């Protein structure tokens, strides 16, 4: 039975010893929400997208379980056929009738927390409010309900902060520091009644962090108003990779420089400076005259594996090499995301990690 710990205990996750783990900590699995042909995310290009999902899942099932939210039995059978047609082993693929209008599981999916007590890893779920990036793409009521379904399925405590927050807007090092952007979290289309300090307190209370680093603007073409997972990512507790644009004439050049300078001066939860590693950009990626938010920072970290979006650009190889150097104990694989980015998101945007817990 689903239990609301905020209601029953009147204490927040941080007070109860929970924290949001870093993405590189051990996973039980990865969650997806399968895109609908009638959805709005991939106008006129839907048929090119399922093969990208299939390739990602083929890599992932070699290292962990994959859980896929679908509308029902008919969609499940269709997706099974697609995955089998792309030689995906199905033993570690699980389907769930948790429908959502659009496929961006990073933003509407559950945020898992962990705590360790007496050598047992316990888990919980945070159910932030979801309003499709400031009410841009209604309806979104089904998407908003996904964390509740997952918590119920897993039998995990559910914390409901009562404010809007997307998973792609936050990034943690698992040791107490969180990265985010002013452009997104302070946008009045999310939580206009809250100040920056009040939002920061919610992050501390519900994610178990004690230090919040605020960057500025997001990249051009990002309809999320500046998600951090297109900009800067932790690759270890003390190292951040951040994208920089080398073309001074590019619209992203100055804003990325400003974010880079903020990171160079930022300190962690213990007051120590970070190692900051530069990632290139794939330049100007567009479709039908629209600039797309293509970024190598939108990689996904799985058990012993990192999946990096590539864009048929000369910097693809360089980006994969940089990330491989930062993840020496993981296999870093570039996968073409050119078709997926037409939906204005990439690999990190469509995935949500479920941390491992102790099995009873």
Protein backbone atom coordinates (compact mmCIF):
# COMPACT_ATOMS: atom_id res chain seq x y z
CA UNK A 1 0.00 0.00 0.00
CA UNK A 2 1.21 3.48 -0.88
CA UNK A 3 2.27 5.41 2.21
CA UNK A 4 2.71 9.16 2.42
CA UNK A 5 5.47 9.76 4.93
CA UNK A 6 4.92 13.51 4.80
CA UNK A 7 1.41 12.97 6.07
CA UNK A 8 2.09 10.25 8.61
CA UNK A 9 5.35 11.46 10.09
CA UNK A 10 5.30 15.21 9.48
CA UNK A 11 9.01 15.15 8.79
CA UNK A 12 10.78 15.75 5.52
CA UNK A 13 13.16 13.28 3.85
CA UNK A 14 16.29 15.09 5.00
CA UNK A 15 15.17 14.92 8.63
CA UNK A 16 14.54 11.20 8.17
CA UNK A 17 18.02 10.59 6.77
CA UNK A 18 17.12 10.24 3.08
CA UNK A 19 19.17 11.67 0.22
CA UNK A 20 19.08 11.63 -3.56
CA UNK A 21 21.97 9.40 -4.68
CA UNK A 22 24.33 10.33 -7.49
CA UNK A 23 23.52 8.79 -10.85
CA UNK A 24 26.67 6.64 -10.83
CA UNK A 25 25.67 4.86 -7.62
CA UNK A 26 24.35 1.29 -8.14
CA UNK A 27 21.09 0.99 -10.03
CA UNK A 28 18.25 -1.47 -9.70
CA UNK A 29 17.15 -0.36 -13.14
CA UNK A 30 16.24 2.38 -15.59
CA UNK A 31 12.72 3.70 -16.21
CA UNK A 32 11.34 4.87 -19.56
CA UNK A 33 7.97 6.15 -20.71
CA UNK A 34 7.35 4.93 -24.26
CA UNK A 35 6.38 7.72 -26.70
CA UNK A 36 2.93 7.65 -28.30
CA UNK A 37 2.56 7.99 -32.08
CA UNK A 38 -0.19 10.55 -31.45
CA UNK A 39 1.95 12.52 -28.98
CA UNK A 40 3.28 15.98 -29.74
CA UNK A 41 6.97 15.36 -29.03
CA UNK A 42 8.00 14.12 -32.49
CA UNK A 43 5.86 15.86 -35.12
CA UNK A 44 6.06 14.07 -38.48
CA UNK A 45 9.08 12.04 -37.32
CA UNK A 46 7.73 9.47 -34.86
CA UNK A 47 8.76 6.38 -36.85
CA UNK A 48 12.44 7.33 -36.57
CA UNK A 49 12.34 7.42 -32.74
CA UNK A 50 11.53 3.85 -31.55
CA UNK A 51 14.75 2.46 -33.10
CA UNK A 52 16.73 4.90 -30.94
CA UNK A 53 14.92 3.67 -27.84
CA UNK A 54 15.60 0.09 -28.88
CA UNK A 55 19.33 0.71 -29.23
CA UNK A 56 19.53 2.36 -25.81
CA UNK A 57 17.58 -0.44 -24.18
CA UNK A 58 19.72 -3.07 -25.89
CA UNK A 59 22.78 -1.55 -24.21
CA UNK A 60 21.04 -1.12 -20.86
CA UNK A 61 19.66 -4.64 -20.43
CA UNK A 62 23.22 -5.94 -20.47
CA UNK A 63 23.87 -4.10 -17.17
CA UNK A 64 20.51 -3.60 -15.42
CA UNK A 65 16.74 -3.97 -15.59
CA UNK A 66 14.65 -1.73 -17.83
CA UNK A 67 11.13 -0.66 -16.87
CA UNK A 68 8.83 0.86 -19.50
CA UNK A 69 5.63 2.79 -18.83
CA UNK A 70 2.96 2.12 -21.46
CA UNK A 71 -0.73 2.93 -21.97
CA UNK A 72 -1.85 -0.67 -21.81
CA UNK A 73 -1.65 -4.14 -23.32
CA UNK A 74 -1.85 -3.00 -26.95
CA UNK A 75 1.10 -0.61 -26.61
CA UNK A 76 3.03 -3.22 -24.64
CA UNK A 77 2.68 -5.76 -27.45
CA UNK A 78 3.71 -3.17 -30.03
CA UNK A 79 6.80 -2.21 -28.03
CA UNK A 80 7.72 -5.85 -27.44
CA UNK A 81 7.65 -6.37 -31.19
CA UNK A 82 9.84 -3.33 -31.81
CA UNK A 83 12.42 -4.38 -29.23
CA UNK A 84 12.54 -7.99 -30.41
CA UNK A 85 12.87 -6.73 -33.98
CA UNK A 86 15.98 -4.84 -32.89
CA UNK A 87 17.49 -7.89 -31.15
CA UNK A 88 16.87 -6.66 -27.61
CA UNK A 89 16.98 -9.50 -25.04
CA UNK A 90 13.69 -9.30 -23.14
CA UNK A 91 14.48 -11.11 -19.89
CA UNK A 92 15.22 -7.85 -18.04
CA UNK A 93 12.52 -5.70 -19.68
CA UNK A 94 9.38 -5.03 -17.64
CA UNK A 95 6.22 -3.18 -18.69
CA UNK A 96 3.89 -1.13 -16.52
CA UNK A 97 0.45 0.31 -17.35
CA UNK A 98 1.36 3.78 -16.09
CA UNK A 99 0.26 6.05 -18.97
CA UNK A 100 1.71 9.46 -19.77
CA UNK A 101 1.06 11.78 -22.69
CA UNK A 102 4.72 12.43 -23.51
CA UNK A 103 7.89 10.36 -23.03
CA UNK A 104 10.12 12.60 -20.90
CA UNK A 105 10.51 10.29 -17.90
CA UNK A 106 13.37 12.33 -16.43
CA UNK A 107 10.93 15.14 -15.73
CA UNK A 108 7.66 13.41 -14.89
CA UNK A 109 9.09 10.21 -13.42
CA UNK A 110 9.88 9.41 -9.78
CA UNK A 111 12.89 10.84 -7.99
CA UNK A 112 14.20 8.03 -5.81
CA UNK A 113 15.84 8.60 -2.44
CA UNK A 114 17.93 6.26 -0.29
CA UNK A 115 19.02 5.99 3.30
CA UNK A 116 21.18 3.42 5.04
CA UNK A 117 20.13 2.10 8.43
CA UNK A 118 21.80 -0.86 10.12
CA UNK A 119 23.49 -1.81 6.82
CA UNK A 120 20.13 -1.89 5.02
CA UNK A 121 19.50 0.49 2.12
CA UNK A 122 15.94 1.79 2.28
CA UNK A 123 14.32 3.73 -0.54
CA UNK A 124 11.56 6.30 -1.00
CA UNK A 125 10.11 8.42 -3.81
CA UNK A 126 9.68 12.18 -4.15
CA UNK A 127 6.61 13.19 -6.12
CA UNK A 128 7.29 16.74 -7.31
CA UNK A 129 4.47 18.48 -9.12
CA UNK A 130 4.75 18.40 -12.90
CA UNK A 131 3.20 21.03 -15.20
CA UNK A 132 4.89 20.31 -18.57
CA UNK A 133 7.61 22.96 -18.22
CA UNK A 134 5.42 25.81 -17.16
CA UNK A 135 2.15 24.72 -18.73
CA UNK A 136 3.56 24.67 -22.26
CA UNK A 137 2.08 21.33 -23.37
CA UNK A 138 -1.24 20.39 -21.76
CA UNK A 139 -2.68 18.02 -20.78
CA UNK A 140 -0.18 16.61 -18.30
CA UNK A 141 -2.27 15.12 -15.51
CA UNK A 142 -1.32 11.53 -16.41
CA UNK A 143 2.37 12.40 -16.57
CA UNK A 144 2.11 14.08 -13.16
CA UNK A 145 0.73 10.85 -11.64
CA UNK A 146 3.59 8.54 -12.74
CA UNK A 147 5.67 8.82 -9.51
CA UNK A 148 2.63 7.79 -7.47
CA UNK A 149 2.14 4.68 -9.63
CA UNK A 150 5.81 3.71 -9.34
CA UNK A 151 5.91 4.23 -5.58
CA UNK A 152 2.79 2.11 -5.22
CA UNK A 153 4.25 -0.61 -7.47
CA UNK A 154 7.46 -0.71 -5.43
CA UNK A 155 5.68 -0.32 -2.09
CA UNK A 156 7.82 2.70 -1.22
CA UNK A 157 7.10 5.74 0.96
CA UNK A 158 6.02 8.77 -1.06
CA UNK A 159 6.96 12.36 -0.24
CA UNK A 160 4.88 15.10 -1.92
CA UNK A 161 6.48 18.56 -1.55
CA UNK A 162 3.58 20.33 -3.27
CA UNK A 163 5.72 22.40 -5.66
CA UNK A 164 6.67 22.01 -9.32
CA UNK A 165 10.09 20.53 -10.12
CA UNK A 166 11.47 18.47 -13.02
CA UNK A 167 14.18 15.85 -12.72
CA UNK A 168 16.17 17.38 -15.56
CA UNK A 169 16.47 20.64 -13.65
CA UNK A 170 18.50 19.16 -10.78
CA UNK A 171 21.82 17.34 -10.58
CA UNK A 172 23.45 15.95 -7.42
CA UNK A 173 26.84 14.57 -6.44
CA UNK A 174 25.33 12.29 -3.79
CA UNK A 175 27.42 13.92 -1.07
CA UNK A 176 25.33 17.00 -0.37
CA UNK A 177 25.74 19.34 -3.35
CA UNK A 178 23.13 20.12 -6.02
CA UNK A 179 23.45 21.94 -9.34
CA UNK A 180 20.58 23.84 -10.95
CA UNK A 181 19.81 27.00 -12.92
CA UNK A 182 18.16 30.29 -12.11
CA UNK A 183 16.56 30.35 -15.56
CA UNK A 184 14.48 27.27 -14.82
CA UNK A 185 13.81 27.14 -11.10
CA UNK A 186 13.14 30.87 -10.77
CA UNK A 187 10.90 31.04 -13.83
CA UNK A 188 7.47 32.34 -12.73
CA UNK A 189 5.77 29.57 -14.73
CA UNK A 190 6.83 27.03 -12.08
CA UNK A 191 6.52 28.32 -8.51
CA UNK A 192 5.87 32.08 -8.69
CA UNK A 193 5.02 32.26 -4.98
CA UNK A 194 8.47 31.06 -3.90
CA UNK A 195 11.73 32.99 -3.59
CA UNK A 196 15.13 31.61 -4.54
CA UNK A 197 15.96 30.90 -0.91
CA UNK A 198 12.60 29.16 -0.38
CA UNK A 199 13.14 26.93 -3.42
CA UNK A 200 16.62 26.17 -2.16
CA UNK A 201 15.14 25.07 1.16
CA UNK A 202 12.78 22.65 -0.60
CA UNK A 203 15.81 21.12 -2.34
CA UNK A 204 17.57 20.73 0.99
CA UNK A 205 14.51 19.30 2.72
CA UNK A 206 13.44 16.84 0.04
CA UNK A 207 16.72 15.76 -1.57
CA UNK A 208 19.01 15.70 1.45
CA UNK A 209 21.50 18.27 0.11
CA UNK A 210 23.09 21.10 2.05
CA UNK A 211 24.68 23.10 -0.78
CA UNK A 212 22.94 24.45 -3.90
CA UNK A 213 24.97 25.86 -6.81
CA UNK A 214 23.01 28.15 -9.11
CA UNK A 215 24.02 28.56 -12.74
CA UNK A 216 22.43 31.12 -15.05
CA UNK A 217 20.88 30.54 -18.47
CA UNK A 218 20.17 27.37 -20.44
CA UNK A 219 21.18 26.70 -24.03
CA UNK A 220 19.35 28.18 -26.99
CA UNK A 221 16.47 26.01 -28.19
CA UNK A 222 15.81 24.40 -24.79
CA UNK A 223 12.05 24.63 -24.19
CA UNK A 224 12.49 23.59 -20.54
CA UNK A 225 13.72 27.11 -19.70
CA UNK A 226 17.23 25.94 -18.89
CA UNK A 227 17.58 22.40 -17.58
CA UNK A 228 20.91 21.62 -15.95
CA UNK A 229 21.23 18.27 -17.75
CA UNK A 230 21.94 20.10 -21.01
CA UNK A 231 24.66 22.19 -19.36
CA UNK A 232 26.68 20.71 -16.51
CA UNK A 233 26.86 17.27 -14.92
CA UNK A 234 28.65 15.67 -12.01
CA UNK A 235 30.87 12.79 -13.09
CA UNK A 236 32.21 12.22 -9.57
CA UNK A 237 31.69 13.83 -6.19
CA UNK A 238 34.38 16.42 -6.91
CA UNK A 239 34.30 16.75 -10.72
CA UNK A 240 31.86 18.53 -13.04
CA UNK A 241 31.78 18.42 -16.82
CA UNK A 242 30.28 21.48 -18.47
CA UNK A 243 29.65 22.36 -22.09
CA UNK A 244 31.42 25.32 -23.67
CA UNK A 245 30.94 26.78 -27.13
CA UNK A 246 34.14 27.51 -29.03
CA UNK A 247 32.55 29.70 -31.74
CA UNK A 248 32.47 33.24 -30.38
CA UNK A 249 29.71 34.13 -32.85
CA UNK A 250 27.40 31.39 -31.59
CA UNK A 251 24.43 32.47 -29.47
CA UNK A 252 25.47 29.96 -26.78
CA UNK A 253 29.02 31.27 -26.43
CA UNK A 254 28.57 33.97 -23.79
CA UNK A 255 25.98 32.25 -21.61
CA UNK A 256 28.09 29.08 -21.45
CA UNK A 257 31.16 31.12 -20.57
CA UNK A 258 29.27 32.74 -17.72
CA UNK A 259 28.16 29.35 -16.40
CA UNK A 260 31.72 28.04 -16.69
CA UNK A 261 33.05 30.96 -14.65
CA UNK A 262 30.46 30.34 -11.95
CA UNK A 263 31.54 26.70 -11.75
CA UNK A 264 35.20 27.64 -11.47
CA UNK A 265 34.37 29.63 -8.33
CA UNK A 266 31.86 27.15 -6.89
CA UNK A 267 32.63 24.99 -3.89
CA UNK A 268 31.18 21.71 -2.70
CA UNK A 269 29.43 20.82 0.56
CA UNK A 270 32.82 20.91 2.32
CA UNK A 271 33.98 24.21 0.85
CA UNK A 272 36.34 22.66 -1.72
CA UNK A 273 36.64 23.81 -5.32
CA UNK A 274 35.56 21.40 -8.03
CA UNK A 275 37.59 20.07 -10.89
CA UNK A 276 35.75 21.49 -13.93
CA UNK A 277 36.16 19.70 -17.26
CA UNK A 278 35.07 21.28 -20.53
CA UNK A 279 32.88 19.42 -23.01
CA UNK A 280 32.47 20.76 -26.56
CA UNK A 281 29.12 21.34 -28.22
CA UNK A 282 27.94 19.80 -31.49
CA UNK A 283 27.48 23.28 -32.90
CA UNK A 284 24.28 24.48 -34.54
CA UNK A 285 21.91 21.52 -34.85
CA UNK A 286 18.60 22.40 -36.50
CA UNK A 287 15.54 20.93 -38.18
CA UNK A 288 13.17 22.86 -40.41
CA UNK A 289 14.85 26.07 -39.34
CA UNK A 290 14.46 25.42 -35.61
CA UNK A 291 17.56 25.29 -33.43
CA UNK A 292 17.55 22.16 -31.31
CA UNK A 293 19.06 21.80 -27.79
CA UNK A 294 21.71 19.29 -28.80
CA UNK A 295 24.21 18.70 -26.01
CA UNK A 296 26.72 16.03 -25.09
CA UNK A 297 25.95 16.80 -21.43
CA UNK A 298 22.67 14.91 -21.82
CA UNK A 299 24.43 11.56 -21.29
CA UNK A 300 23.02 8.83 -19.04
CA UNK A 301 25.06 6.93 -16.45
CA UNK A 302 24.07 3.29 -15.92
CA UNK A 303 25.74 0.37 -14.16
CA UNK A 304 29.22 0.03 -15.76
CA UNK A 305 27.98 2.05 -18.77
CA UNK A 306 27.58 5.65 -19.98
CA UNK A 307 25.38 6.40 -23.00
CA UNK A 308 26.35 9.61 -24.80
CA UNK A 309 24.17 11.31 -27.44
CA UNK A 310 25.95 12.03 -30.71
CA UNK A 311 24.82 14.29 -33.54
CA UNK A 312 26.83 13.37 -36.67
CA UNK A 313 29.29 16.15 -35.86
CA UNK A 314 33.07 16.25 -35.78
CA UNK A 315 33.00 16.79 -32.01
CA UNK A 316 31.18 13.49 -31.36
CA UNK A 317 34.39 11.48 -31.00
CA UNK A 318 36.03 14.13 -28.85
CA UNK A 319 33.07 14.27 -26.47
CA UNK A 320 33.03 10.49 -26.03
CA UNK A 321 36.79 10.47 -25.40
CA UNK A 322 36.52 13.19 -22.74
CA UNK A 323 33.76 11.32 -20.94
CA UNK A 324 35.61 8.01 -21.21
CA UNK A 325 38.54 9.63 -19.41
CA UNK A 326 36.21 10.72 -16.61
CA UNK A 327 34.60 7.27 -16.34
CA UNK A 328 37.59 4.90 -16.55
CA UNK A 329 35.66 2.03 -14.95
CA UNK A 330 32.67 2.30 -17.28
CA UNK A 331 32.19 1.65 -20.97
CA UNK A 332 31.29 4.95 -22.66
CA UNK A 333 29.20 4.47 -25.80
CA UNK A 334 28.10 7.11 -28.28
CA UNK A 335 24.64 6.58 -29.78
CA UNK A 336 23.18 8.71 -32.57
CA UNK A 337 20.55 11.05 -31.11
CA UNK A 338 19.88 13.08 -34.23
CA UNK A 339 16.33 11.79 -34.59
CA UNK A 340 15.52 11.98 -30.87
CA UNK A 341 16.65 15.59 -30.46
CA UNK A 342 13.84 16.69 -32.78
CA UNK A 343 11.68 16.18 -29.68
CA UNK A 344 13.91 18.73 -27.86
CA UNK A 345 15.48 16.16 -25.54
CA UNK A 346 17.96 13.31 -25.52
CA UNK A 347 19.07 10.30 -23.47
CA UNK A 348 19.05 11.81 -20.01
CA UNK A 349 15.65 13.38 -20.69
CA UNK A 350 13.96 10.05 -21.49
CA UNK A 351 15.49 8.00 -18.66
CA UNK A 352 15.13 7.92 -14.87
CA UNK A 353 17.41 5.82 -12.70
CA UNK A 354 16.15 3.66 -9.87
CA UNK A 355 18.87 3.18 -7.24
CA UNK A 356 19.49 -0.24 -5.79
CA UNK A 357 18.08 -1.03 -2.38
CA UNK A 358 18.52 -3.92 -0.03
CA UNK A 359 16.39 -6.92 -0.97
CA UNK A 360 14.33 -8.42 1.78
